[in-house]
Amino acid sequence: MTTASSVQDSLDHDGLWEGPIPASLARRKSGLRPQFLVAGLILVGVILALMVYGLTTAKAYWLTVDEVMQQGNALVSQRLRVNGVVVDGSELWNAEQVTLKFMIEDEENPGHQLPVVFYEPRPDNFQRAASVIVEGELLDDGTFRADVLLLKCPSRYEEDPQAILRQSAP
């Protein structure tokens, strides 16, 4: 008896297979292997840890100079973003120590001033800045140590409001 005749004998009259499936044709069980499961759990854990770390280090309260002065010691050692205007004549640049010290005040209430120290190179357009945003932390002595200094410079394309009024007046 040949192989072909044994296969023919196993088939019923409709051409369907009768009997058990040969081991060479049977599918093997595809269960989860423990090493893949552990590696997947570690990968998910690392991704979650990076997400939590990124969210906790990126958060910063957005305040004005007046709000920082009002809350005072409650904000010490917290990550903050403070918006203000550089006080004219308050800039102290030390090129040897790469330290920029200046004062900022609130745009709407220019009464309170907040001392800021920035330990990075001074931006080229610092003197032309209309306002600044500093990001960092408030120290115990009331000085704000900035890690990030963002400058908002006056636009070259905005017209002077007085020039607009002069044009519209007859």
C-alpha atoms as a PDB file:
ATOM      1  CA  MET A   1       0.000   0.000   0.000  1.00  0.00           C
ATOM      2  CA  THR A   2       1.340   3.326  -0.991  1.00  0.00           C
ATOM      3  CA  THR A   3       1.042   6.624   0.805  1.00  0.00           C
ATOM      4  CA  ALA A   4      -1.410   7.967  -1.717  1.00  0.00           C
ATOM      5  CA  SER A   5      -3.697   4.919  -1.311  1.00  0.00           C
ATOM      6  CA  SER A   6      -3.600   5.229   2.518  1.00  0.00           C
ATOM      7  CA  VAL A   7      -4.688   8.861   2.210  1.00  0.00           C
ATOM      8  CA  GLN A   8      -7.429   7.805  -0.173  1.00  0.00           C
ATOM      9  CA  ASP A   9      -8.571   5.171   2.317  1.00  0.00           C
ATOM     10  CA  SER A  10      -8.771   7.802   5.102  1.00  0.00           C
ATOM     11  CA  LEU A  11     -11.074  10.040   3.084  1.00  0.00           C
ATOM     12  CA  ASP A  12     -14.788   9.458   3.205  1.00  0.00           C
ATOM     13  CA  HIS A  13     -17.017   9.584   0.164  1.00  0.00           C
ATOM     14  CA  ASP A  14     -17.326  13.454   0.338  1.00  0.00           C
ATOM     15  CA  GLY A  15     -13.562  13.909   0.332  1.00  0.00           C
ATOM     16  CA  LEU A  16     -13.343  14.828   4.034  1.00  0.00           C
ATOM     17  CA  TRP A  17     -10.722  13.438   6.327  1.00  0.00           C
ATOM     18  CA  GLU A  18     -11.738  10.757   8.776  1.00  0.00           C
ATOM     19  CA  GLY A  19      -9.811   9.950  11.850  1.00  0.00           C
ATOM     20  CA  PRO A  20      -7.264  11.850  13.908  1.00  0.00           C
ATOM     21  CA  ILE A  21      -5.152  14.638  12.409  1.00  0.00           C
ATOM     22  CA  PRO A  22      -1.577  13.537  11.826  1.00  0.00           C
ATOM     23  CA  ALA A  23       0.908  15.113  14.228  1.00  0.00           C
ATOM     24  CA  SER A  24       2.856  16.699  11.387  1.00  0.00           C
ATOM     25  CA  LEU A  25      -0.226  18.680  10.312  1.00  0.00           C
ATOM     26  CA  ALA A  26      -1.595  19.572  13.731  1.00  0.00           C
ATOM     27  CA  ARG A  27      -1.126  23.108  15.061  1.00  0.00           C
ATOM     28  CA  ARG A  28       0.876  23.561  18.152  1.00  0.00           C
ATOM     29  CA  LYS A  29      -0.477  25.478  21.111  1.00  0.00           C
ATOM     30  CA  SER A  30       0.546  29.112  21.019  1.00  0.00           C
ATOM     31  CA  GLY A  31       0.651  30.085  24.678  1.00  0.00           C
ATOM     32  CA  LEU A  32       2.491  33.060  26.116  1.00  0.00           C
ATOM     33  CA  ARG A  33       6.004  32.261  26.997  1.00  0.00           C
ATOM     34  CA  PRO A  34       6.982  33.600  30.437  1.00  0.00           C
ATOM     35  CA  GLN A  35      10.083  35.447  29.203  1.00  0.00           C
ATOM     36  CA  PHE A  36       8.009  37.455  26.671  1.00  0.00           C
ATOM     37  CA  LEU A  37       5.430  38.268  29.315  1.00  0.00           C
ATOM     38  CA  VAL A  38       8.088  39.536  31.749  1.00  0.00           C
ATOM     39  CA  ALA A  39       9.811  41.573  29.027  1.00  0.00           C
ATOM     40  CA  GLY A  40       6.476  43.136  28.014  1.00  0.00           C
ATOM     41  CA  LEU A  41       5.654  44.053  31.615  1.00  0.00           C
ATOM     42  CA  ILE A  42       9.087  45.631  32.082  1.00  0.00           C
ATOM     43  CA  LEU A  43       8.659  47.634  28.875  1.00  0.00           C
ATOM     44  CA  VAL A  44       5.230  48.910  29.967  1.00  0.00           C
ATOM     45  CA  GLY A  45       6.654  49.799  33.399  1.00  0.00           C
ATOM     46  CA  VAL A  46       9.525  51.792  31.881  1.00  0.00           C
ATOM     47  CA  ILE A  47       7.165  53.693  29.584  1.00  0.00           C
ATOM     48  CA  LEU A  48       4.852  54.553  32.497  1.00  0.00           C
ATOM     49  CA  ALA A  49       7.797  55.676  34.659  1.00  0.00           C
ATOM     50  CA  LEU A  50       9.069  57.970  31.872  1.00  0.00           C
ATOM     51  CA  MET A  51       5.607  59.465  31.433  1.00  0.00           C
ATOM     52  CA  VAL A  52       5.244  60.188  35.154  1.00  0.00           C
ATOM     53  CA  TYR A  53       8.745  61.675  35.326  1.00  0.00           C
ATOM     54  CA  GLY A  54       8.086  63.902  32.320  1.00  0.00           C
ATOM     55  CA  LEU A  55       4.799  65.156  33.692  1.00  0.00           C
ATOM     56  CA  THR A  56       6.169  65.935  37.159  1.00  0.00           C
ATOM     57  CA  THR A  57       9.262  67.779  35.946  1.00  0.00           C
ATOM     58  CA  ALA A  58       7.455  69.735  33.237  1.00  0.00           C
ATOM     59  CA  LYS A  59       4.772  71.237  35.431  1.00  0.00           C
ATOM     60  CA  ALA A  60       5.309  74.805  36.520  1.00  0.00           C
ATOM     61  CA  TYR A  61       2.930  77.353  37.969  1.00  0.00           C
ATOM     62  CA  TRP A  62       2.401  80.435  35.784  1.00  0.00           C
ATOM     63  CA  LEU A  63       2.432  83.582  37.938  1.00  0.00           C
ATOM     64  CA  THR A  64       2.951  87.315  37.747  1.00  0.00           C
ATOM     65  CA  VAL A  65       5.467  89.169  39.883  1.00  0.00           C
ATOM     66  CA  ASP A  66       2.685  90.455  42.165  1.00  0.00           C
ATOM     67  CA  GLU A  67       1.382  86.917  42.751  1.00  0.00           C
ATOM     68  CA  VAL A  68       4.884  85.707  43.647  1.00  0.00           C
ATOM     69  CA  MET A  69       5.302  88.584  46.116  1.00  0.00           C
ATOM     70  CA  GLN A  70       1.908  87.925  47.711  1.00  0.00           C
ATOM     71  CA  GLN A  71       2.484  84.198  48.211  1.00  0.00           C
ATOM     72  CA  GLY A  72       6.127  84.640  49.241  1.00  0.00           C
ATOM     73  CA  ASN A  73       7.555  81.738  51.244  1.00  0.00           C
ATOM     74  CA  ALA A  74       4.802  79.336  50.155  1.00  0.00           C
ATOM     75  CA  LEU A  75       6.420  79.181  46.714  1.00  0.00           C
ATOM     76  CA  VAL A  76      10.011  78.534  47.848  1.00  0.00           C
ATOM     77  CA  SER A  77      11.611  75.554  46.046  1.00  0.00           C
ATOM     78  CA  GLN A  78       8.660  75.087  43.688  1.00  0.00           C
ATOM     79  CA  ARG A  79       8.966  75.121  39.925  1.00  0.00           C
ATOM     80  CA  LEU A  80       7.533  78.443  38.670  1.00  0.00           C
ATOM     81  CA  ARG A  81       7.117  80.518  35.529  1.00  0.00           C
ATOM     82  CA  VAL A  82       6.989  84.230  36.130  1.00  0.00           C
ATOM     83  CA  ASN A  83       6.065  86.877  33.585  1.00  0.00           C
ATOM     84  CA  GLY A  84       7.323  90.416  33.985  1.00  0.00           C
ATOM     85  CA  VAL A  85       9.107  93.423  32.535  1.00  0.00           C
ATOM     86  CA  VAL A  86      12.838  94.022  33.016  1.00  0.00           C
ATOM     87  CA  VAL A  87      13.427  97.067  35.220  1.00  0.00           C
ATOM     88  CA  ASP A  88      15.504  99.659  33.364  1.00  0.00           C
ATOM     89  CA  GLY A  89      19.084  99.862  34.631  1.00  0.00           C
ATOM     90  CA  SER A  90      18.864  96.718  36.790  1.00  0.00           C
ATOM     91  CA  GLU A  91      20.973  94.479  34.530  1.00  0.00           C
ATOM     92  CA  LEU A  92      24.273  93.215  35.983  1.00  0.00           C
ATOM     93  CA  TRP A  93      26.220  90.989  33.565  1.00  0.00           C
ATOM     94  CA  ASN A  94      29.318  89.188  34.804  1.00  0.00           C
ATOM     95  CA  ALA A  95      31.018  87.595  31.784  1.00  0.00           C
ATOM     96  CA  GLU A  96      33.700  85.840  33.856  1.00  0.00           C
ATOM     97  CA  GLN A  97      31.167  83.968  35.980  1.00  0.00           C
ATOM     98  CA  VAL A  98      28.557  83.823  33.178  1.00  0.00           C
ATOM     99  CA  THR A  99      25.934  85.292  35.482  1.00  0.00           C
ATOM    100  CA  LEU A 100      23.128  87.656  34.575  1.00  0.00           C
ATOM    101  CA  LYS A 101      21.296  89.428  37.393  1.00  0.00           C
ATOM    102  CA  PHE A 102      18.334  91.715  36.837  1.00  0.00           C
ATOM    103  CA  MET A 103      15.017  92.772  38.345  1.00  0.00           C
ATOM    104  CA  ILE A 104      11.578  92.208  36.883  1.00  0.00           C
ATOM    105  CA  GLU A 105       8.291  93.829  37.778  1.00  0.00           C
ATOM    106  CA  ASP A 106       4.655  93.310  36.918  1.00  0.00           C
ATOM    107  CA  GLU A 107       3.455  94.977  33.720  1.00  0.00           C
ATOM    108  CA  GLU A 108       0.173  96.126  35.239  1.00  0.00           C
ATOM    109  CA  ASN A 109       1.376  96.868  38.809  1.00  0.00           C
ATOM    110  CA  PRO A 110       4.980  98.040  38.601  1.00  0.00           C
ATOM    111  CA  GLY A 111       5.336  98.415  42.374  1.00  0.00           C
ATOM    112  CA  HIS A 112       6.918  95.105  43.340  1.00  0.00           C
ATOM    113  CA  GLN A 113      10.245  93.946  41.938  1.00  0.00           C
ATOM    114  CA  LEU A 114      11.616  90.425  41.877  1.00  0.00           C
ATOM    115  CA  PRO A 115      15.389  89.858  41.676  1.00  0.00           C
ATOM    116  CA  VAL A 116      16.354  87.233  39.090  1.00  0.00           C
ATOM    117  CA  VAL A 117      19.670  85.436  38.621  1.00  0.00           C
ATOM    118  CA  PHE A 118      20.393  83.504  35.415  1.00  0.00           C
ATOM    119  CA  TYR A 119      23.544  81.337  35.164  1.00  0.00           C
ATOM    120  CA  GLU A 120      23.718  81.101  31.392  1.00  0.00           C
ATOM    121  CA  PRO A 121      25.066  83.358  28.627  1.00  0.00           C
ATOM    122  CA  ARG A 122      23.180  86.620  28.245  1.00  0.00           C
ATOM    123  CA  PRO A 123      20.878  86.638  25.205  1.00  0.00           C
ATOM    124  CA  ASP A 124      21.916  89.139  22.521  1.00  0.00           C
ATOM    125  CA  ASN A 125      18.545  90.841  22.414  1.00  0.00           C
ATOM    126  CA  PHE A 126      18.152  91.130  26.202  1.00  0.00           C
ATOM    127  CA  GLN A 127      18.280  94.939  26.223  1.00  0.00           C
ATOM    128  CA  ARG A 128      15.516  95.186  23.591  1.00  0.00           C
ATOM    129  CA  ALA A 129      13.175  92.812  25.437  1.00  0.00           C
ATOM    130  CA  ALA A 130       9.676  94.142  26.000  1.00  0.00           C
ATOM    131  CA  SER A 131       8.927  91.496  28.595  1.00  0.00           C
ATOM    132  CA  VAL A 132      10.464  88.288  29.907  1.00  0.00           C
ATOM    133  CA  ILE A 133       9.291  84.913  31.097  1.00  0.00           C
ATOM    134  CA  VAL A 134      11.601  83.240  33.574  1.00  0.00           C
ATOM    135  CA  GLU A 135      11.262  79.612  34.586  1.00  0.00           C
ATOM    136  CA  GLY A 136      12.975  78.203  37.637  1.00  0.00           C
ATOM    137  CA  GLU A 137      12.554  78.311  41.394  1.00  0.00           C
ATOM    138  CA  LEU A 138      12.235  80.874  44.149  1.00  0.00           C
ATOM    139  CA  LEU A 139      15.090  80.737  46.662  1.00  0.00           C
ATOM    140  CA  ASP A 140      14.831  81.285  50.428  1.00  0.00           C
ATOM    141  CA  ASP A 141      16.269  84.810  50.180  1.00  0.00           C
ATOM    142  CA  GLY A 142      13.542  85.918  47.720  1.00  0.00           C
ATOM    143  CA  THR A 143      15.757  85.687  44.629  1.00  0.00           C
ATOM    144  CA  PHE A 144      14.418  83.826  41.633  1.00  0.00           C
ATOM    145  CA  ARG A 145      16.964  81.417  40.098  1.00  0.00           C
ATOM    146  CA  ALA A 146      16.025  81.060  36.436  1.00  0.00           C
ATOM    147  CA  ASP A 147      16.886  77.993  34.377  1.00  0.00           C
ATOM    148  CA  VAL A 148      15.006  79.240  31.318  1.00  0.00           C
ATOM    149  CA  LEU A 149      14.845  82.832  30.076  1.00  0.00           C
ATOM    150  CA  LEU A 150      12.373  83.625  27.309  1.00  0.00           C
ATOM    151  CA  LEU A 151      12.325  87.106  25.822  1.00  0.00           C
ATOM    152  CA  LYS A 152       9.445  88.845  24.136  1.00  0.00           C
ATOM    153  CA  CYS A 153      10.894  91.528  21.930  1.00  0.00           C
ATOM    154  CA  PRO A 154       8.880  94.299  20.358  1.00  0.00           C
ATOM    155  CA  SER A 155       7.838  93.432  16.857  1.00  0.00           C
ATOM    156  CA  ARG A 156       9.437  95.305  13.981  1.00  0.00           C
ATOM    157  CA  TYR A 157       6.190  95.156  12.090  1.00  0.00           C
ATOM    158  CA  GLU A 158       3.898  96.812  14.624  1.00  0.00           C
ATOM    159  CA  GLU A 159       3.202 100.457  14.109  1.00  0.00           C
ATOM    160  CA  ASP A 160       3.410 102.981  16.890  1.00  0.00           C
ATOM    161  CA  PRO A 161      -0.149 103.633  18.199  1.00  0.00           C
ATOM    162  CA  GLN A 162       0.458 107.398  18.054  1.00  0.00           C
ATOM    163  CA  ALA A 163       1.346 107.149  14.362  1.00  0.00           C
ATOM    164  CA  ILE A 164      -1.951 105.387  13.694  1.00  0.00           C
ATOM    165  CA  LEU A 165      -3.848 108.124  15.552  1.00  0.00           C
ATOM    166  CA  ARG A 166      -2.070 110.845  13.586  1.00  0.00           C
ATOM    167  CA  GLN A 167      -3.016 109.208  10.302  1.00  0.00           C
ATOM    168  CA  SER A 168      -6.684 108.909  11.200  1.00  0.00           C
ATOM    169  CA  ALA A 169      -7.050 112.454  12.547  1.00  0.00           C
ATOM    170  CA  PRO A 170      -8.149 115.023   9.898  1.00  0.00           C
END
